[in-house]
PDB file of N, CA and C in Angstrom:
ATOM      1  N   MET A   1      32.828  42.675-139.123  1.00  0.00           N
ATOM      2  CA  MET A   1      33.387  41.987-140.304  1.00  0.00           C
ATOM      3  C   MET A   1      33.619  42.956-141.466  1.00  0.00           C
ATOM      4  N   LYS A   2      34.074  44.029-140.954  1.00  0.00           N
ATOM      5  CA  LYS A   2      34.848  45.234-142.160  1.00  0.00           C
ATOM      6  C   LYS A   2      36.000  44.530-142.985  1.00  0.00           C
ATOM      7  N   ASP A   3      36.660  43.675-142.331  1.00  0.00           N
ATOM      8  CA  ASP A   3      37.652  42.621-142.958  1.00  0.00           C
ATOM      9  C   ASP A   3      38.469  43.893-144.291  1.00  0.00           C
ATOM     10  N   ASN A   4      39.019  45.203-143.590  1.00  0.00           N
ATOM     11  CA  ASN A   4      39.870  46.335-143.980  1.00  0.00           C
ATOM     12  C   ASN A   4      39.236  46.687-145.093  1.00  0.00           C
ATOM     13  N   LEU A   5      37.703  46.855-145.726  1.00  0.00           N
ATOM     14  CA  LEU A   5      37.170  46.934-146.355  1.00  0.00           C
ATOM     15  C   LEU A   5      36.558  49.186-145.974  1.00  0.00           C
ATOM     16  N   ASP A   6      36.742  49.502-146.928  1.00  0.00           N
ATOM     17  CA  ASP A   6      36.104  51.244-146.678  1.00  0.00           C
ATOM     18  C   ASP A   6      34.610  51.181-147.323  1.00  0.00           C
ATOM     19  N   THR A   7      33.632  50.421-145.822  1.00  0.00           N
ATOM     20  CA  THR A   7      32.422  50.449-145.706  1.00  0.00           C
ATOM     21  C   THR A   7      32.264  51.352-145.141  1.00  0.00           C
ATOM     22  N   ASN A   8      30.611  52.375-145.244  1.00  0.00           N
ATOM     23  CA  ASN A   8      30.450  53.432-144.376  1.00  0.00           C
ATOM     24  C   ASN A   8      29.338  52.309-143.302  1.00  0.00           C
ATOM     25  N   LEU A   9      29.090  51.195-143.202  1.00  0.00           N
ATOM     26  CA  LEU A   9      27.964  50.681-142.695  1.00  0.00           C
ATOM     27  C   LEU A   9      28.823  49.421-142.178  1.00  0.00           C
ATOM     28  N   THR A  10      28.509  49.244-140.965  1.00  0.00           N
ATOM     29  CA  THR A  10      28.782  47.802-139.965  1.00  0.00           C
ATOM     30  C   THR A  10      27.662  46.659-140.713  1.00  0.00           C
ATOM     31  N   MET A  11      27.702  45.548-140.110  1.00  0.00           N
ATOM     32  CA  MET A  11      27.148  44.532-140.566  1.00  0.00           C
ATOM     33  C   MET A  11      25.589  44.563-139.698  1.00  0.00           C
ATOM     34  N   GLU A  12      25.880  45.514-138.145  1.00  0.00           N
ATOM     35  CA  GLU A  12      24.997  45.476-137.036  1.00  0.00           C
ATOM     36  C   GLU A  12      23.650  47.023-138.249  1.00  0.00           C
ATOM     37  N   MET A  13      24.593  47.865-138.502  1.00  0.00           N
ATOM     38  CA  MET A  13      23.981  48.771-139.163  1.00  0.00           C
ATOM     39  C   MET A  13      23.181  48.346-140.330  1.00  0.00           C
ATOM     40  N   ALA A  14      23.764  47.967-141.619  1.00  0.00           N
ATOM     41  CA  ALA A  14      22.816  47.278-142.669  1.00  0.00           C
ATOM     42  C   ALA A  14      21.637  46.376-141.780  1.00  0.00           C
ATOM     43  N   LEU A  15      21.718  45.906-140.667  1.00  0.00           N
ATOM     44  CA  LEU A  15      20.868  44.787-139.677  1.00  0.00           C
ATOM     45  C   LEU A  15      19.700  45.928-139.671  1.00  0.00           C
ATOM     46  N   GLY A  16      19.923  46.732-139.022  1.00  0.00           N
ATOM     47  CA  GLY A  16      19.175  47.676-138.545  1.00  0.00           C
ATOM     48  C   GLY A  16      18.094  48.559-139.687  1.00  0.00           C
ATOM     49  N   ILE A  17      19.447  49.133-140.869  1.00  0.00           N
ATOM     50  CA  ILE A  17      18.281  49.330-141.864  1.00  0.00           C
ATOM     51  C   ILE A  17      17.020  48.796-142.998  1.00  0.00           C
ATOM     52  N   ALA A  18      17.976  47.151-142.693  1.00  0.00           N
ATOM     53  CA  ALA A  18      16.401  46.211-143.166  1.00  0.00           C
ATOM     54  C   ALA A  18      15.603  46.243-142.108  1.00  0.00           C
ATOM     55  N   LEU A  19      15.563  45.904-141.128  1.00  0.00           N
ATOM     56  CA  LEU A  19      14.922  45.871-140.239  1.00  0.00           C
ATOM     57  C   LEU A  19      13.981  46.927-139.954  1.00  0.00           C
ATOM     58  N   ALA A  20      14.186  48.173-139.849  1.00  0.00           N
ATOM     59  CA  ALA A  20      13.496  49.553-140.320  1.00  0.00           C
ATOM     60  C   ALA A  20      12.532  49.317-141.842  1.00  0.00           C
ATOM     61  N   TYR A  21      13.385  48.977-142.290  1.00  0.00           N
ATOM     62  CA  TYR A  21      12.467  49.348-143.896  1.00  0.00           C
ATOM     63  C   TYR A  21      11.655  48.048-144.040  1.00  0.00           C
ATOM     64  N   LYS A  22      11.539  46.799-143.344  1.00  0.00           N
ATOM     65  CA  LYS A  22      10.773  45.084-142.780  1.00  0.00           C
ATOM     66  C   LYS A  22       9.400  45.981-142.238  1.00  0.00           C
ATOM     67  N   LYS A  23       9.563  46.927-141.626  1.00  0.00           N
ATOM     68  CA  LYS A  23       8.753  47.541-140.471  1.00  0.00           C
ATOM     69  C   LYS A  23       7.931  48.347-140.766  1.00  0.00           C
ATOM     70  N   LYS A  24       8.688  49.618-141.775  1.00  0.00           N
ATOM     71  CA  LYS A  24       7.659  50.293-142.232  1.00  0.00           C
ATOM     72  C   LYS A  24       6.754  50.090-143.259  1.00  0.00           C
ATOM     73  N   TYR A  25       7.821  48.951-144.611  1.00  0.00           N
ATOM     74  CA  TYR A  25       6.605  48.334-145.606  1.00  0.00           C
ATOM     75  C   TYR A  25       5.382  47.118-145.332  1.00  0.00           C
ATOM     76  N   LYS A  26       5.524  46.764-143.724  1.00  0.00           N
ATOM     77  CA  LYS A  26       4.583  45.910-143.282  1.00  0.00           C
ATOM     78  C   LYS A  26       5.329  44.522-144.074  1.00  0.00           C
ATOM     79  N   LEU A  27       6.935  44.505-144.462  1.00  0.00           N
ATOM     80  CA  LEU A  27       7.217  42.994-145.047  1.00  0.00           C
ATOM     81  C   LEU A  27       6.836  41.875-144.066  1.00  0.00           C
ATOM     82  N   SER A  28       6.713  40.658-144.702  1.00  0.00           N
ATOM     83  CA  SER A  28       6.727  39.355-143.779  1.00  0.00           C
ATOM     84  C   SER A  28       8.309  38.811-143.906  1.00  0.00           C
ATOM     85  N   GLY A  29       8.367  37.773-143.191  1.00  0.00           N
ATOM     86  CA  GLY A  29       9.765  37.081-143.246  1.00  0.00           C
ATOM     87  C   GLY A  29      10.633  37.387-141.967  1.00  0.00           C
ATOM     88  N   ASP A  30      11.889  36.548-141.843  1.00  0.00           N
ATOM     89  CA  ASP A  30      12.436  36.829-140.689  1.00  0.00           C
ATOM     90  C   ASP A  30      13.901  37.047-141.344  1.00  0.00           C
ATOM     91  N   ILE A  31      14.727  37.813-140.676  1.00  0.00           N
ATOM     92  CA  ILE A  31      16.014  37.833-140.652  1.00  0.00           C
ATOM     93  C   ILE A  31      16.734  37.081-139.000  1.00  0.00           C
ATOM     94  N   HIS A  32      17.806  36.458-140.138  1.00  0.00           N
ATOM     95  CA  HIS A  32      18.529  35.294-138.900  1.00  0.00           C
ATOM     96  C   HIS A  32      19.823  36.015-138.859  1.00  0.00           C
ATOM     97  N   SER A  33      19.590  37.043-138.560  1.00  0.00           N
ATOM     98  CA  SER A  33      21.076  37.949-137.943  1.00  0.00           C
ATOM     99  C   SER A  33      21.925  37.794-139.024  1.00  0.00           C
ATOM    100  N   GLU A  34      23.551  37.505-138.394  1.00  0.00           N
ATOM    101  CA  GLU A  34      24.932  37.192-139.618  1.00  0.00           C
ATOM    102  C   GLU A  34      24.783  36.526-140.247  1.00  0.00           C
ATOM    103  N   ARG A  35      24.230  35.560-140.572  1.00  0.00           N
ATOM    104  CA  ARG A  35      24.084  34.233-141.680  1.00  0.00           C
ATOM    105  C   ARG A  35      22.784  34.633-142.836  1.00  0.00           C
ATOM    106  N   ASN A  36      22.676  35.746-142.675  1.00  0.00           N
ATOM    107  CA  ASN A  36      21.762  36.040-143.681  1.00  0.00           C
ATOM    108  C   ASN A  36      22.258  37.675-144.689  1.00  0.00           C
ATOM    109  N   ILE A  37      23.556  38.335-143.706  1.00  0.00           N
ATOM    110  CA  ILE A  37      24.108  39.184-144.021  1.00  0.00           C
ATOM    111  C   ILE A  37      25.058  39.178-144.919  1.00  0.00           C
ATOM    112  N   THR A  38      25.399  39.833-146.206  1.00  0.00           N
ATOM    113  CA  THR A  38      26.660  39.892-146.877  1.00  0.00           C
ATOM    114  C   THR A  38      26.920  41.060-147.679  1.00  0.00           C
ATOM    115  N   TYR A  39      28.324  41.177-148.034  1.00  0.00           N
ATOM    116  CA  TYR A  39      28.561  42.839-148.207  1.00  0.00           C
ATOM    117  C   TYR A  39      29.242  42.134-149.743  1.00  0.00           C
ATOM    118  N   TYR A  40      29.054  42.919-151.060  1.00  0.00           N
ATOM    119  CA  TYR A  40      29.914  42.812-151.801  1.00  0.00           C
ATOM    120  C   TYR A  40      30.673  44.426-152.088  1.00  0.00           C
ATOM    121  N   LYS A  41      31.542  44.134-153.149  1.00  0.00           N
ATOM    122  CA  LYS A  41      32.586  45.515-153.536  1.00  0.00           C
ATOM    123  C   LYS A  41      31.441  46.470-154.411  1.00  0.00           C
ATOM    124  N   GLU A  42      30.735  45.355-155.479  1.00  0.00           N
ATOM    125  CA  GLU A  42      29.669  45.810-156.338  1.00  0.00           C
ATOM    126  C   GLU A  42      28.446  45.110-156.485  1.00  0.00           C
ATOM    127  N   PHE A  43      27.237  45.598-157.026  1.00  0.00           N
ATOM    128  CA  PHE A  43      26.489  44.793-157.243  1.00  0.00           C
ATOM    129  C   PHE A  43      25.055  45.318-157.933  1.00  0.00           C
ATOM    130  N   ASP A  44      24.933  44.819-159.245  1.00  0.00           N
ATOM    131  CA  ASP A  44      24.353  45.037-160.291  1.00  0.00           C
ATOM    132  C   ASP A  44      24.187  46.206-160.403  1.00  0.00           C
ATOM    133  N   ASP A  45      23.830  47.699-160.239  1.00  0.00           N
ATOM    134  CA  ASP A  45      23.669  48.977-160.410  1.00  0.00           C
ATOM    135  C   ASP A  45      23.769  49.941-159.554  1.00  0.00           C
ATOM    136  N   VAL A  46      23.987  49.316-158.162  1.00  0.00           N
ATOM    137  CA  VAL A  46      23.948  50.106-157.445  1.00  0.00           C
ATOM    138  C   VAL A  46      25.792  50.599-157.218  1.00  0.00           C
ATOM    139  N   ASN A  47      25.872  52.108-157.196  1.00  0.00           N
ATOM    140  CA  ASN A  47      27.105  52.437-156.641  1.00  0.00           C
ATOM    141  C   ASN A  47      27.871  52.057-155.886  1.00  0.00           C
ATOM    142  N   GLY A  48      28.894  51.357-155.103  1.00  0.00           N
ATOM    143  CA  GLY A  48      29.486  51.420-154.221  1.00  0.00           C
ATOM    144  C   GLY A  48      29.592  49.881-153.245  1.00  0.00           C
ATOM    145  N   TYR A  49      30.124  49.491-152.611  1.00  0.00           N
ATOM    146  CA  TYR A  49      29.822  48.952-151.334  1.00  0.00           C
ATOM    147  C   TYR A  49      28.386  48.538-151.487  1.00  0.00           C
ATOM    148  N   VAL A  50      27.716  47.048-151.433  1.00  0.00           N
ATOM    149  CA  VAL A  50      26.302  46.830-151.324  1.00  0.00           C
ATOM    150  C   VAL A  50      26.081  45.836-150.198  1.00  0.00           C
ATOM    151  N   TRP A  51      25.394  45.614-149.195  1.00  0.00           N
ATOM    152  CA  TRP A  51      24.812  45.095-147.935  1.00  0.00           C
ATOM    153  C   TRP A  51      23.388  44.302-148.961  1.00  0.00           C
ATOM    154  N   LEU A  52      23.948  42.913-148.996  1.00  0.00           N
ATOM    155  CA  LEU A  52      22.775  42.117-149.136  1.00  0.00           C
ATOM    156  C   LEU A  52      22.412  41.186-147.938  1.00  0.00           C
ATOM    157  N   VAL A  53      20.307  41.295-147.472  1.00  0.00           N
ATOM    158  CA  VAL A  53      20.063  40.955-146.307  1.00  0.00           C
ATOM    159  C   VAL A  53      18.976  39.703-147.102  1.00  0.00           C
ATOM    160  N   LEU A  54      19.382  38.594-146.685  1.00  0.00           N
ATOM    161  CA  LEU A  54      18.211  37.434-147.320  1.00  0.00           C
ATOM    162  C   LEU A  54      16.890  37.426-145.821  1.00  0.00           C
ATOM    163  N   VAL A  55      15.712  37.609-145.934  1.00  0.00           N
ATOM    164  CA  VAL A  55      14.588  37.442-145.276  1.00  0.00           C
ATOM    165  C   VAL A  55      14.364  35.932-145.707  1.00  0.00           C
ATOM    166  N   ASP A  56      13.956  35.476-144.846  1.00  0.00           N
ATOM    167  CA  ASP A  56      13.298  33.831-144.973  1.00  0.00           C
ATOM    168  C   ASP A  56      11.859  34.446-144.825  1.00  0.00           C
ATOM    169  N   ILE A  57      11.169  33.515-145.764  1.00  0.00           N
ATOM    170  CA  ILE A  57       9.522  33.534-145.768  1.00  0.00           C
ATOM    171  C   ILE A  57       8.804  32.318-145.749  1.00  0.00           C
ATOM    172  N   GLU A  58       7.627  32.066-145.568  1.00  0.00           N
ATOM    173  CA  GLU A  58       7.318  30.381-145.546  1.00  0.00           C
ATOM    174  C   GLU A  58       6.795  30.170-147.310  1.00  0.00           C
ATOM    175  N   PRO A  59       7.461  28.837-146.893  1.00  0.00           N
ATOM    176  CA  PRO A  59       7.335  28.230-148.328  1.00  0.00           C
ATOM    177  C   PRO A  59       5.845  28.669-149.082  1.00  0.00           C
ATOM    178  N   ASN A  60       6.443  28.480-150.389  1.00  0.00           N
ATOM    179  CA  ASN A  60       4.812  29.144-151.424  1.00  0.00           C
ATOM    180  C   ASN A  60       4.694  28.682-152.549  1.00  0.00           C
ATOM    181  N   ASP A  61       3.344  28.005-152.965  1.00  0.00           N
ATOM    182  CA  ASP A  61       3.718  27.747-154.557  1.00  0.00           C
ATOM    183  C   ASP A  61       3.789  28.671-155.592  1.00  0.00           C
ATOM    184  N   LEU A  62       3.440  29.680-154.804  1.00  0.00           N
ATOM    185  CA  LEU A  62       3.718  30.456-155.946  1.00  0.00           C
ATOM    186  C   LEU A  62       5.034  31.233-156.235  1.00  0.00           C
ATOM    187  N   PHE A  63       6.098  30.842-155.302  1.00  0.00           N
ATOM    188  CA  PHE A  63       7.089  31.199-155.259  1.00  0.00           C
ATOM    189  C   PHE A  63       8.066  30.412-155.524  1.00  0.00           C
ATOM    190  N   ALA A  64       9.600  31.254-156.283  1.00  0.00           N
ATOM    191  CA  ALA A  64      10.714  29.862-156.785  1.00  0.00           C
ATOM    192  C   ALA A  64      11.703  29.679-155.570  1.00  0.00           C
ATOM    193  N   GLU A  65      11.913  30.541-154.695  1.00  0.00           N
ATOM    194  CA  GLU A  65      12.471  30.239-153.276  1.00  0.00           C
ATOM    195  C   GLU A  65      11.706  31.112-152.353  1.00  0.00           C
ATOM    196  N   ASN A  66      12.500  30.336-151.037  1.00  0.00           N
ATOM    197  CA  ASN A  66      11.853  30.818-149.806  1.00  0.00           C
ATOM    198  C   ASN A  66      12.631  31.757-148.786  1.00  0.00           C
ATOM    199  N   GLU A  67      12.499  32.752-150.030  1.00  0.00           N
ATOM    200  CA  GLU A  67      13.416  34.036-149.118  1.00  0.00           C
ATOM    201  C   GLU A  67      13.206  34.955-150.271  1.00  0.00           C
ATOM    202  N   TYR A  68      13.639  36.271-149.865  1.00  0.00           N
ATOM    203  CA  TYR A  68      13.258  37.788-150.854  1.00  0.00           C
ATOM    204  C   TYR A  68      15.139  38.684-150.002  1.00  0.00           C
ATOM    205  N   THR A  69      15.728  38.977-150.904  1.00  0.00           N
ATOM    206  CA  THR A  69      16.736  39.843-150.635  1.00  0.00           C
ATOM    207  C   THR A  69      16.447  41.569-150.553  1.00  0.00           C
ATOM    208  N   ILE A  70      16.720  42.084-149.255  1.00  0.00           N
ATOM    209  CA  ILE A  70      16.990  43.541-149.458  1.00  0.00           C
ATOM    210  C   ILE A  70      18.047  44.183-149.782  1.00  0.00           C
ATOM    211  N   VAL A  71      18.645  44.747-150.598  1.00  0.00           N
ATOM    212  CA  VAL A  71      19.467  45.208-151.637  1.00  0.00           C
ATOM    213  C   VAL A  71      19.779  47.203-150.609  1.00  0.00           C
ATOM    214  N   ILE A  72      21.273  46.729-149.784  1.00  0.00           N
ATOM    215  CA  ILE A  72      21.493  48.338-148.892  1.00  0.00           C
ATOM    216  C   ILE A  72      22.005  48.658-149.865  1.00  0.00           C
ATOM    217  N   SER A  73      22.252  50.383-150.312  1.00  0.00           N
ATOM    218  CA  SER A  73      23.293  51.285-150.638  1.00  0.00           C
ATOM    219  C   SER A  73      24.543  51.018-149.423  1.00  0.00           C
ATOM    220  N   ASP A  74      25.714  50.519-149.289  1.00  0.00           N
ATOM    221  CA  ASP A  74      26.482  51.350-148.252  1.00  0.00           C
ATOM    222  C   ASP A  74      26.429  52.650-148.163  1.00  0.00           C
ATOM    223  N   LYS A  75      27.009  53.629-149.398  1.00  0.00           N
ATOM    224  CA  LYS A  75      27.217  54.861-149.645  1.00  0.00           C
ATOM    225  C   LYS A  75      26.144  55.458-149.220  1.00  0.00           C
ATOM    226  N   GLU A  76      24.751  55.375-149.620  1.00  0.00           N
ATOM    227  CA  GLU A  76      23.736  55.898-149.076  1.00  0.00           C
ATOM    228  C   GLU A  76      22.983  55.757-147.820  1.00  0.00           C
ATOM    229  N   ALA A  77      23.347  54.194-147.422  1.00  0.00           N
ATOM    230  CA  ALA A  77      22.906  53.638-146.278  1.00  0.00           C
ATOM    231  C   ALA A  77      21.342  53.233-145.927  1.00  0.00           C
ATOM    232  N   ASP A  78      21.097  53.058-147.254  1.00  0.00           N
ATOM    233  CA  ASP A  78      19.453  53.116-147.341  1.00  0.00           C
ATOM    234  C   ASP A  78      18.796  52.135-148.496  1.00  0.00           C
ATOM    235  N   VAL A  79      17.946  51.425-148.430  1.00  0.00           N
ATOM    236  CA  VAL A  79      17.387  50.311-149.603  1.00  0.00           C
ATOM    237  C   VAL A  79      17.204  51.211-150.613  1.00  0.00           C
ATOM    238  N   LYS A  80      17.751  50.181-151.683  1.00  0.00           N
ATOM    239  CA  LYS A  80      17.754  50.545-153.076  1.00  0.00           C
ATOM    240  C   LYS A  80      16.549  49.880-153.252  1.00  0.00           C
ATOM    241  N   TYR A  81      16.489  48.514-153.047  1.00  0.00           N
ATOM    242  CA  TYR A  81      15.154  47.763-154.030  1.00  0.00           C
ATOM    243  C   TYR A  81      15.603  46.173-153.735  1.00  0.00           C
ATOM    244  N   ILE A  82      14.104  45.429-153.556  1.00  0.00           N
ATOM    245  CA  ILE A  82      13.959  44.511-153.143  1.00  0.00           C
ATOM    246  C   ILE A  82      14.088  43.028-153.648  1.00  0.00           C
ATOM    247  N   ILE A  83      14.779  42.462-154.218  1.00  0.00           N
ATOM    248  CA  ILE A  83      14.241  41.245-155.111  1.00  0.00           C
ATOM    249  C   ILE A  83      13.576  39.652-154.404  1.00  0.00           C
ATOM    250  N   ASP A  84      12.724  40.067-155.095  1.00  0.00           N
ATOM    251  CA  ASP A  84      11.505  38.815-154.346  1.00  0.00           C
ATOM    252  C   ASP A  84      11.788  37.394-154.693  1.00  0.00           C
ATOM    253  N   PRO A  85      10.663  36.501-154.245  1.00  0.00           N
ATOM    254  CA  PRO A  85      11.097  35.599-154.212  1.00  0.00           C
ATOM    255  C   PRO A  85      11.173  34.827-155.801  1.00  0.00           C
ATOM    256  N   ASN A  86      10.726  35.597-156.563  1.00  0.00           N
ATOM    257  CA  ASN A  86      10.892  35.030-157.792  1.00  0.00           C
ATOM    258  C   ASN A  86      11.862  35.483-158.491  1.00  0.00           C
ATOM    259  N   GLY A  87      12.292  36.378-157.953  1.00  0.00           N
ATOM    260  CA  GLY A  87      13.922  37.670-158.525  1.00  0.00           C
ATOM    261  C   GLY A  87      13.754  38.564-159.834  1.00  0.00           C
ATOM    262  N   HIS A  88      12.587  38.711-159.080  1.00  0.00           N
ATOM    263  CA  HIS A  88      11.853  40.681-159.550  1.00  0.00           C
ATOM    264  C   HIS A  88      12.351  41.423-158.474  1.00  0.00           C
ATOM    265  N   VAL A  89      12.606  42.714-159.558  1.00  0.00           N
ATOM    266  CA  VAL A  89      12.786  43.617-158.569  1.00  0.00           C
ATOM    267  C   VAL A  89      11.438  44.265-157.955  1.00  0.00           C
ATOM    268  N   PHE A  90      11.668  44.509-156.622  1.00  0.00           N
ATOM    269  CA  PHE A  90      10.266  45.521-155.835  1.00  0.00           C
ATOM    270  C   PHE A  90      10.640  46.636-154.773  1.00  0.00           C
ATOM    271  N   THR A  91      10.153  47.250-155.478  1.00  0.00           N
ATOM    272  CA  THR A  91      10.281  48.673-155.060  1.00  0.00           C
ATOM    273  C   THR A  91       9.539  49.345-153.442  1.00  0.00           C
ATOM    274  N   PRO A  92       8.806  48.917-152.766  1.00  0.00           N
ATOM    275  CA  PRO A  92       7.885  49.593-151.925  1.00  0.00           C
ATOM    276  C   PRO A  92       7.816  51.072-151.532  1.00  0.00           C
ATOM    277  N   HIS A  93       9.187  51.756-151.852  1.00  0.00           N
ATOM    278  CA  HIS A  93       9.538  53.186-151.029  1.00  0.00           C
ATOM    279  C   HIS A  93       9.179  53.722-152.612  1.00  0.00           C
ATOM    280  N   LEU A  94       9.058  53.427-153.183  1.00  0.00           N
ATOM    281  CA  LEU A  94       8.553  54.283-154.969  1.00  0.00           C
ATOM    282  C   LEU A  94       6.835  54.084-155.132  1.00  0.00           C
ATOM    283  N   VAL A  95       6.223  52.766-154.088  1.00  0.00           N
ATOM    284  CA  VAL A  95       5.098  53.098-154.984  1.00  0.00           C
ATOM    285  C   VAL A  95       4.318  53.974-154.517  1.00  0.00           C
TER     286      VAL A  95
END
């Protein structure tokens, strides 16, 4: 899926980073492979390409959405933050 982009990560590598992060921080939800992973040349304040990995979760009356997003820096090959189901930024690795 690189499509001639100068990315450091492949889709499979981004998926692996997201799965490892979910496991390490005991986050719920499921990643349904390729359909939940996209990349952008830029996103928010992350420098360079960014991989967004959507994680499906059980619907809940407290959440606006039934998913959250893991934001991965292609340059750093690391999770920058999570966008929770209500659109708020969450950083379990900084807590």
